[in-house]
Protein backbone atom coordinates (compact mmCIF):
# COMPACT_ATOMS: atom_id res chain seq x y z
CA MET A 1 6.71 -24.13 -13.24
CA ALA A 2 9.89 -25.80 -13.88
CA GLY A 3 12.79 -23.93 -12.49
CA SER A 4 14.99 -23.34 -9.37
CA ASP A 5 12.96 -24.20 -6.13
CA THR A 6 12.70 -20.43 -4.84
CA PRO A 7 10.23 -19.75 -2.49
CA GLU A 8 7.92 -17.92 -5.21
CA ARG A 9 8.00 -21.48 -7.02
CA THR A 10 7.65 -23.28 -3.89
CA GLY A 11 4.38 -21.28 -3.43
CA GLU A 12 3.11 -21.80 -6.90
CA ARG A 13 3.74 -25.46 -6.88
CA ARG A 14 1.98 -25.79 -3.54
CA ALA A 15 -0.99 -23.89 -5.05
CA LEU A 16 -1.47 -25.84 -7.97
CA GLU A 17 -1.04 -29.21 -6.28
CA THR A 18 -3.67 -28.08 -3.76
CA VAL A 19 -6.20 -27.23 -6.11
CA LEU A 20 -5.73 -30.36 -8.31
CA ASP A 21 -6.25 -32.41 -5.04
CA VAL A 22 -9.69 -31.07 -4.22
CA LEU A 23 -10.91 -31.42 -7.75
CA PRO A 24 -13.02 -34.23 -8.45
CA ARG A 25 -11.04 -37.36 -9.84
CA SER A 26 -13.56 -37.47 -12.89
CA VAL A 27 -12.47 -33.74 -13.88
CA ARG A 28 -10.04 -33.35 -16.58
CA ALA A 29 -7.24 -31.25 -15.12
CA LYS A 30 -3.80 -30.41 -16.02
CA LYS A 31 -1.00 -27.69 -15.65
CA ALA A 32 -1.31 -25.02 -18.09
CA PRO A 33 1.71 -25.13 -20.89
CA HIS A 34 4.79 -23.01 -19.91
CA GLY A 35 4.20 -19.25 -21.12
CA SER A 36 0.59 -19.40 -21.10
CA SER A 37 -1.26 -16.65 -18.93
CA ALA A 38 -3.25 -19.50 -17.13
CA ASP A 39 -1.89 -21.88 -14.56
CA LEU A 40 -4.24 -24.56 -15.10
CA ILE A 41 -6.69 -26.30 -17.43
CA VAL A 42 -9.65 -27.89 -15.93
CA GLY A 43 -12.20 -29.19 -18.49
CA ASP A 44 -12.35 -26.21 -20.98
CA GLU A 45 -11.79 -23.75 -18.53
CA SER A 46 -8.37 -21.62 -18.33
CA LEU A 47 -7.81 -20.68 -14.62
CA ARG A 48 -5.27 -18.65 -12.95
CA VAL A 49 -4.14 -19.69 -9.40
CA GLU A 50 -2.44 -17.72 -6.69
CA TRP A 51 -0.50 -18.62 -3.50
CA VAL A 52 -1.05 -16.23 -0.45
CA GLY A 53 0.67 -17.73 2.09
CA GLU A 54 -0.58 -18.41 5.61
CA GLY A 55 -4.17 -17.04 4.60
CA SER A 56 -4.95 -14.48 6.94
CA LEU A 57 -7.28 -11.51 5.80
CA GLY A 58 -3.79 -9.34 5.70
CA ASP A 59 -2.56 -11.99 3.15
CA VAL A 60 -5.54 -11.83 0.84
CA ARG A 61 -6.06 -8.30 0.56
CA PRO A 62 -3.26 -7.38 -1.65
CA VAL A 63 -5.01 -9.95 -3.96
CA LEU A 64 -8.43 -7.96 -3.70
CA ALA A 65 -6.81 -4.59 -4.10
CA SER A 66 -5.40 -5.39 -7.60
CA SER A 67 -7.89 -4.89 -10.91
CA LYS A 68 -10.20 -7.31 -11.51
CA ALA A 69 -8.02 -8.24 -14.58
CA ARG A 70 -5.19 -9.45 -12.45
CA ARG A 71 -6.93 -11.19 -9.70
CA PRO A 72 -6.48 -14.94 -9.77
CA ASP A 73 -9.58 -17.29 -10.53
CA ILE A 74 -8.53 -19.11 -7.24
CA ALA A 75 -6.37 -18.37 -4.00
CA VAL A 76 -4.64 -20.90 -2.18
CA ALA A 77 -3.25 -20.61 1.38
CA ARG A 78 -2.07 -22.91 4.21
CA ARG A 79 -5.42 -22.34 5.91
CA LEU A 80 -7.83 -19.54 5.21
CA SER A 81 -9.10 -17.80 8.08
CA PRO A 82 -12.77 -17.02 8.30
CA GLY A 83 -12.37 -13.19 7.34
CA ALA A 84 -10.21 -14.19 4.26
CA ARG A 85 -12.62 -16.82 3.00
CA GLU A 86 -15.35 -14.25 3.30
CA ALA A 87 -13.27 -11.45 1.71
CA LEU A 88 -12.45 -13.76 -1.29
CA THR A 89 -16.10 -15.22 -1.88
CA GLN A 90 -17.51 -11.35 -1.88
CA ALA A 91 -14.97 -10.64 -4.44
CA ARG A 92 -15.91 -13.57 -6.35
CA VAL A 93 -12.39 -15.03 -6.42
CA GLY A 94 -12.59 -18.88 -5.66
CA TRP A 95 -10.46 -20.38 -2.56
CA VAL A 96 -8.58 -23.62 -1.53
CA ASP A 97 -6.63 -24.33 1.38
CA GLU A 98 -4.49 -27.08 2.64
CA THR A 99 -7.10 -28.39 5.02
CA GLY A 100 -9.04 -29.44 2.10
CA ALA A 101 -11.68 -26.94 2.29
CA ALA A 102 -12.52 -24.95 -0.83
CA GLU A 103 -15.15 -22.99 -2.78
CA ILE A 104 -14.93 -22.54 -6.57
CA ALA A 105 -17.17 -21.39 -8.95
CA ALA A 106 -15.42 -20.58 -12.51
CA GLY A 107 -17.48 -21.17 -15.47
CA SER A 108 -18.84 -24.73 -15.47
CA ILE A 109 -16.60 -25.51 -12.48
CA VAL A 110 -18.24 -25.61 -8.93
CA VAL A 111 -16.60 -27.25 -6.01
CA SER A 112 -17.61 -26.83 -2.49
CA ARG A 113 -15.77 -28.78 0.45
CA THR A 114 -15.58 -28.33 4.12
CA GLY A 115 -12.30 -29.67 4.70
CA ARG A 116 -10.91 -31.32 7.84
CA THR A 117 -10.13 -29.59 11.26
CA PRO A 118 -6.64 -29.00 11.47
CA LYS A 119 -4.77 -30.18 14.93
CA PRO A 120 -4.11 -27.14 17.02
CA PRO A 121 -1.27 -25.38 15.80
CA GLN A 122 2.30 -26.20 17.39
CA ARG A 123 4.23 -23.57 18.70
CA PRO A 124 6.93 -22.54 16.31
CA LYS A 125 10.17 -23.34 17.69
CA ARG A 126 12.20 -21.25 19.81
CA TRP A 127 9.27 -18.93 20.79
CA THR A 128 8.73 -18.44 24.70
CA PRO A 129 6.81 -15.93 26.19
CA ALA A 130 9.95 -14.00 26.89
CA VAL A 131 10.53 -13.86 22.96
CA ALA A 132 6.91 -12.87 22.76
CA ALA A 133 7.43 -10.06 25.01
CA ILE A 134 10.54 -8.77 23.50
CA ALA A 135 8.64 -8.91 20.20
CA GLU A 136 5.63 -6.83 21.78
CA ALA A 137 8.29 -4.36 22.57
CA LEU A 138 9.95 -4.06 19.49
CA LEU A 139 6.58 -3.65 17.55
CA CYS A 140 5.80 -0.92 19.88
CA GLY A 141 8.93 0.95 19.02
CA THR A 142 11.60 -0.30 21.42
CA LYS A 143 15.06 -0.30 19.97
CA ALA A 144 16.29 -3.78 19.41
CA THR A 145 19.24 -3.75 22.18
CA VAL A 146 19.75 -5.64 25.11
CA SER A 147 19.49 -2.49 27.24
CA SER A 148 16.74 -0.98 25.67
CA THR A 149 14.56 -4.16 25.78
CA GLU A 150 15.81 -4.94 29.19
CA ALA A 151 14.50 -1.54 30.77
CA ALA A 152 11.28 -1.53 28.80
CA THR A 153 10.40 -5.00 29.71
CA GLY A 154 11.98 -5.39 33.15
CA LEU A 155 13.46 -9.03 31.93
CA SER A 156 16.84 -10.12 33.10
CA THR A 157 19.83 -9.24 30.60
CA GLY A 158 19.97 -12.95 29.80
CA SER A 159 16.45 -13.47 28.54
CA CYS A 160 16.57 -9.95 26.53
CA THR A 161 19.98 -11.54 24.90
CA ASN A 162 18.68 -14.74 24.17
CA ALA A 163 15.09 -13.60 22.61
CA LEU A 164 17.13 -10.75 20.60
CA GLY A 165 19.37 -13.71 19.19
CA THR A 166 16.76 -15.94 18.56
CA LEU A 167 14.68 -13.12 16.64
CA THR A 168 17.88 -12.43 14.60
CA GLU A 169 18.49 -16.10 13.78
CA LEU A 170 14.86 -16.38 12.60
CA GLY A 171 15.66 -13.53 10.29
CA LEU A 172 13.48 -11.12 11.78
CA LEU A 173 16.28 -8.58 13.16
CA GLU A 174 18.87 -7.62 10.87
CA ALA A 175 22.08 -5.69 10.90
CA ASP A 176 24.34 -3.88 8.61
CA ALA A 177 27.33 -5.55 10.03
CA LYS A 178 28.39 -8.46 12.49
CA ARG A 179 30.47 -5.85 14.56
CA GLY A 180 31.24 -2.44 14.93
CA ARG A 181 29.25 0.68 14.16
CA GLY A 182 27.02 -1.09 11.59
CA SER A 183 25.99 -4.06 14.32
CA ALA A 184 23.08 -2.56 15.70
CA ARG A 185 20.11 -4.60 15.19
CA ARG A 186 16.82 -3.57 13.98
CA VAL A 187 13.22 -4.73 12.77
CA ALA A 188 13.64 -6.39 9.43
CA ASP A 189 9.97 -6.30 8.43
CA ARG A 190 7.35 -5.08 10.64
CA ASP A 191 4.76 -7.03 9.32
CA ARG A 192 6.57 -10.06 9.10
CA LEU A 193 7.51 -9.86 12.99
CA LEU A 194 3.87 -8.98 13.42
CA GLU A 195 2.81 -12.07 11.49
CA ALA A 196 5.54 -14.39 13.26
CA TYR A 197 4.41 -13.02 16.87
CA ALA A 198 0.74 -13.56 16.14
CA ALA A 199 1.26 -17.02 15.01
CA ALA A 200 3.48 -17.98 17.98
CA VAL A 201 1.21 -16.23 20.68
CA GLN A 202 -1.92 -18.07 19.10
CA SER A 203 -0.26 -21.48 19.45
CA PHE A 204 0.39 -21.20 23.10
CA PRO A 205 -1.81 -22.69 25.55
CA GLU A 206 -5.06 -21.33 26.22
CA PRO A 207 -4.88 -19.16 29.49
CA ILE A 208 -7.64 -19.28 31.89
CA ALA A 209 -10.14 -16.82 32.01
CA LEU A 210 -13.30 -16.13 34.15
CA GLN A 211 -16.64 -14.91 32.52
CA VAL A 212 -18.45 -12.22 34.38
CA GLY A 213 -21.92 -10.99 34.44
CA VAL A 214 -22.38 -7.26 33.66
CA THR A 215 -25.80 -4.98 32.58
CA TRP A 216 -23.69 -2.05 31.11
CA ARG A 217 -25.78 -0.73 27.88
CA ASP A 218 -22.42 0.89 26.80
CA PRO A 219 -19.59 -1.94 27.55
CA VAL A 220 -17.01 0.72 27.09
CA ALA A 221 -18.40 3.16 29.38
CA GLY A 222 -18.93 0.35 31.75
CA LEU A 223 -15.28 -0.94 31.68
CA VAL A 224 -14.02 2.49 32.22
CA GLU A 225 -15.83 2.96 35.32
CA VAL A 226 -14.99 -0.34 36.56
CA GLY A 227 -11.48 0.27 35.71
CA ARG A 228 -11.35 3.40 37.85
CA ARG A 229 -12.40 1.18 40.98
CA TRP A 230 -9.79 -1.40 40.20
CA SER A 231 -7.00 1.45 39.83
CA LYS A 232 -8.20 2.95 43.10
CA ALA A 233 -7.31 -0.61 44.62
CA LYS A 234 -4.06 -0.67 43.11
CA LEU A 235 -5.02 -3.41 40.76
CA ASN A 236 -3.48 -3.32 37.50
CA TRP A 237 -5.77 -4.03 34.40
CA ALA A 238 -5.80 -3.46 30.59
CA ALA A 239 -8.62 -3.79 27.96
CA THR A 240 -7.89 -5.75 25.03
CA GLY A 241 -10.09 -6.86 21.79
CA ALA A 242 -13.04 -5.07 20.45
CA ALA A 243 -12.91 -2.37 23.41
CA ALA A 244 -9.37 -1.54 23.39
CA ALA A 245 -9.73 -1.24 19.72
CA SER A 246 -12.79 1.22 19.87
CA VAL A 247 -10.03 3.84 21.24
CA LEU A 248 -6.94 2.77 19.51
CA ALA A 249 -8.37 2.67 16.03
CA PRO A 250 -12.23 2.59 15.82
CA TYR A 251 -13.89 0.40 13.43
CA LEU A 252 -16.45 -1.72 14.78
CA ALA A 253 -20.08 -0.21 15.02
CA THR A 254 -20.72 -1.87 18.56
CA VAL A 255 -18.90 -3.39 21.14
CA SER A 256 -20.95 -6.12 22.46
CA SER A 257 -18.44 -7.87 25.17
CA THR A 258 -15.36 -7.01 26.73
CA GLU A 259 -11.82 -8.46 27.45
CA VAL A 260 -9.51 -7.44 30.40
CA TYR A 261 -6.12 -8.53 31.26
CA VAL A 262 -5.67 -8.43 34.97
CA ASP A 263 -2.94 -8.94 37.76
CA ALA A 264 -4.22 -12.59 38.64
CA GLU A 265 -2.71 -16.00 37.78
CA THR A 266 -5.35 -18.37 38.97
CA ILE A 267 -9.11 -18.93 38.94
CA VAL A 268 -9.21 -17.93 42.54
CA GLY A 269 -7.35 -14.64 41.68
CA LEU A 270 -9.95 -13.59 39.03
CA GLU A 271 -12.72 -14.12 41.00
CA ALA A 272 -11.32 -12.02 43.91
CA THR A 273 -10.27 -9.17 41.22
CA ALA A 274 -13.81 -9.37 40.15
CA ALA A 275 -15.34 -9.30 43.57
CA GLU A 276 -13.28 -6.28 44.38
CA VAL A 277 -15.64 -4.33 42.01
CA ASP A 278 -18.55 -6.16 43.11
CA LEU A 279 -18.96 -8.49 40.10
CA ARG A 280 -19.77 -12.04 40.24
CA PRO A 281 -18.76 -14.83 37.81
CA ILE A 282 -21.51 -16.15 35.41
CA ASP A 283 -21.23 -18.47 32.33
CA GLY A 284 -21.67 -16.26 29.34
CA GLY A 285 -21.04 -13.06 30.92
CA ARG A 286 -20.16 -10.26 28.67
CA LEU A 287 -16.96 -9.55 30.79
CA THR A 288 -13.88 -11.86 30.32
CA LEU A 289 -11.11 -11.42 32.73
CA ARG A 290 -7.61 -13.30 32.07
CA PRO A 291 -4.15 -12.87 33.38
CA PHE A 292 -1.61 -10.54 31.79
CA PRO A 293 -0.04 -12.76 29.14
CA THR A 294 3.35 -11.23 29.13
CA VAL A 295 5.36 -8.54 31.12
CA THR A 296 5.09 -6.34 28.00
CA VAL A 297 1.57 -6.14 28.13
CA ARG A 298 1.29 -5.12 31.81
CA ARG A 299 3.93 -2.55 31.10
CA PHE A 300 3.36 -1.05 28.01
CA ALA A 301 -0.62 -0.63 28.61
CA GLU A 302 -1.58 3.06 28.69
CA GLU A 303 -4.59 5.19 29.22
CA ILE A 304 -6.58 6.45 26.29
CA ASP A 305 -9.85 8.33 27.08
CA GLY A 306 -10.18 7.07 30.47
CA LEU A 307 -10.00 3.35 29.24
CA ARG A 308 -6.27 1.24 30.13
CA VAL A 309 -5.76 -0.65 26.86
CA ALA A 310 -3.20 -3.10 26.21
CA PRO A 311 -0.52 -2.76 23.77
CA TRP A 312 -1.52 -2.67 20.08
CA PRO A 313 0.47 -5.94 19.03
CA ARG A 314 -1.63 -8.10 21.78
CA VAL A 315 -4.99 -6.32 20.64
CA PHE A 316 -4.27 -7.13 17.02
CA VAL A 317 -3.88 -10.89 18.06
CA ASP A 318 -7.00 -10.78 20.03
CA LEU A 319 -9.08 -9.23 17.49
CA ARG A 320 -8.08 -12.02 14.85
CA ASN A 321 -9.52 -14.49 17.44
CA ALA A 322 -12.63 -12.87 17.40
CA GLY A 323 -14.07 -14.07 14.00
CA VAL A 324 -14.72 -12.52 10.63
CA ARG A 325 -15.39 -8.99 12.16
CA GLY A 326 -12.52 -9.14 14.63
CA GLU A 327 -10.11 -9.65 11.77
CA GLU A 328 -11.46 -6.83 9.92
CA ALA A 329 -10.77 -4.70 12.89
CA ALA A 330 -7.53 -6.21 13.38
CA GLU A 331 -6.31 -5.38 9.89
CA HIS A 332 -7.64 -1.62 10.51
CA LEU A 333 -5.76 -1.49 13.72
CA ARG A 334 -2.26 -2.36 11.56
CA GLU A 335 -3.02 0.21 8.99
CA VAL A 336 -3.80 2.82 11.59
CA VAL A 337 -0.69 2.05 13.30
CA HIS A 338 1.51 2.01 10.11
CA ASP A 339 0.35 5.59 9.15
CA ARG A 340 1.40 6.99 12.40
């Protein structure tokens, strides 16, 4: 593993060191000789180890899509999501992450560790709600210019200028030249922007929420009916999560609960919004109301089959926070959007 400190080699080194750290001290383990097809020698076993980055389900899917002969014995990441862990386990690929969690079963080697619960993620530097709003707009197809983002989001010229500058400095926007004809900025890599945006949004403080009791047999149809009443009362709203995905990119067989963004900034405001359609707060209720998180989510919401839905990047993030099946639905949504 000697050589220049490229990102790839840094990942390789981190992967090997992480696996070595979770193995019992009594196990004989060492890095494989240079030129070997293996990466680690553990006892009598030769193992291939691969770094998969942050550890989302999307990060491990390329590994699982390769032929069995090319798959690693162990996949390593910063922090594997529940969906990524389940997918690797089902494919019989061992996994380890930097929290110390591990599940390895290769030959005579069996390791199972729960790891330590990490601290809540810190917001990536320079990501503000305004930057997140501009990222959402760009992911939805808005041009990376001040005039286009200002018109799309309603944010000030200064906010748009600063946000585009931040995304450029983070390497998420690029241009062929600093000035002149080739200076127009564009998204460098949509998947990379989506992942950076998702990581930033997930690190923001937990928003207020209100759970409301409903007796709907069909949650999506019930939400459509309630939404009509909100719209009639001139209250802005947009479904997210599984309900929104059911019309944007159907994947889950059933939708058991619903999440909605509404124009309210306080618990009292959320309660008033619920009362407008004769709904009452109840712990464990199947309808959750939250304030609109950004101006873009409010402005880019659209009606599909009677259901008003949040823009797809925000639905993607909310799905990823909804457990293993939610992660799978989020990746399906990404694929559907990419195929358009």
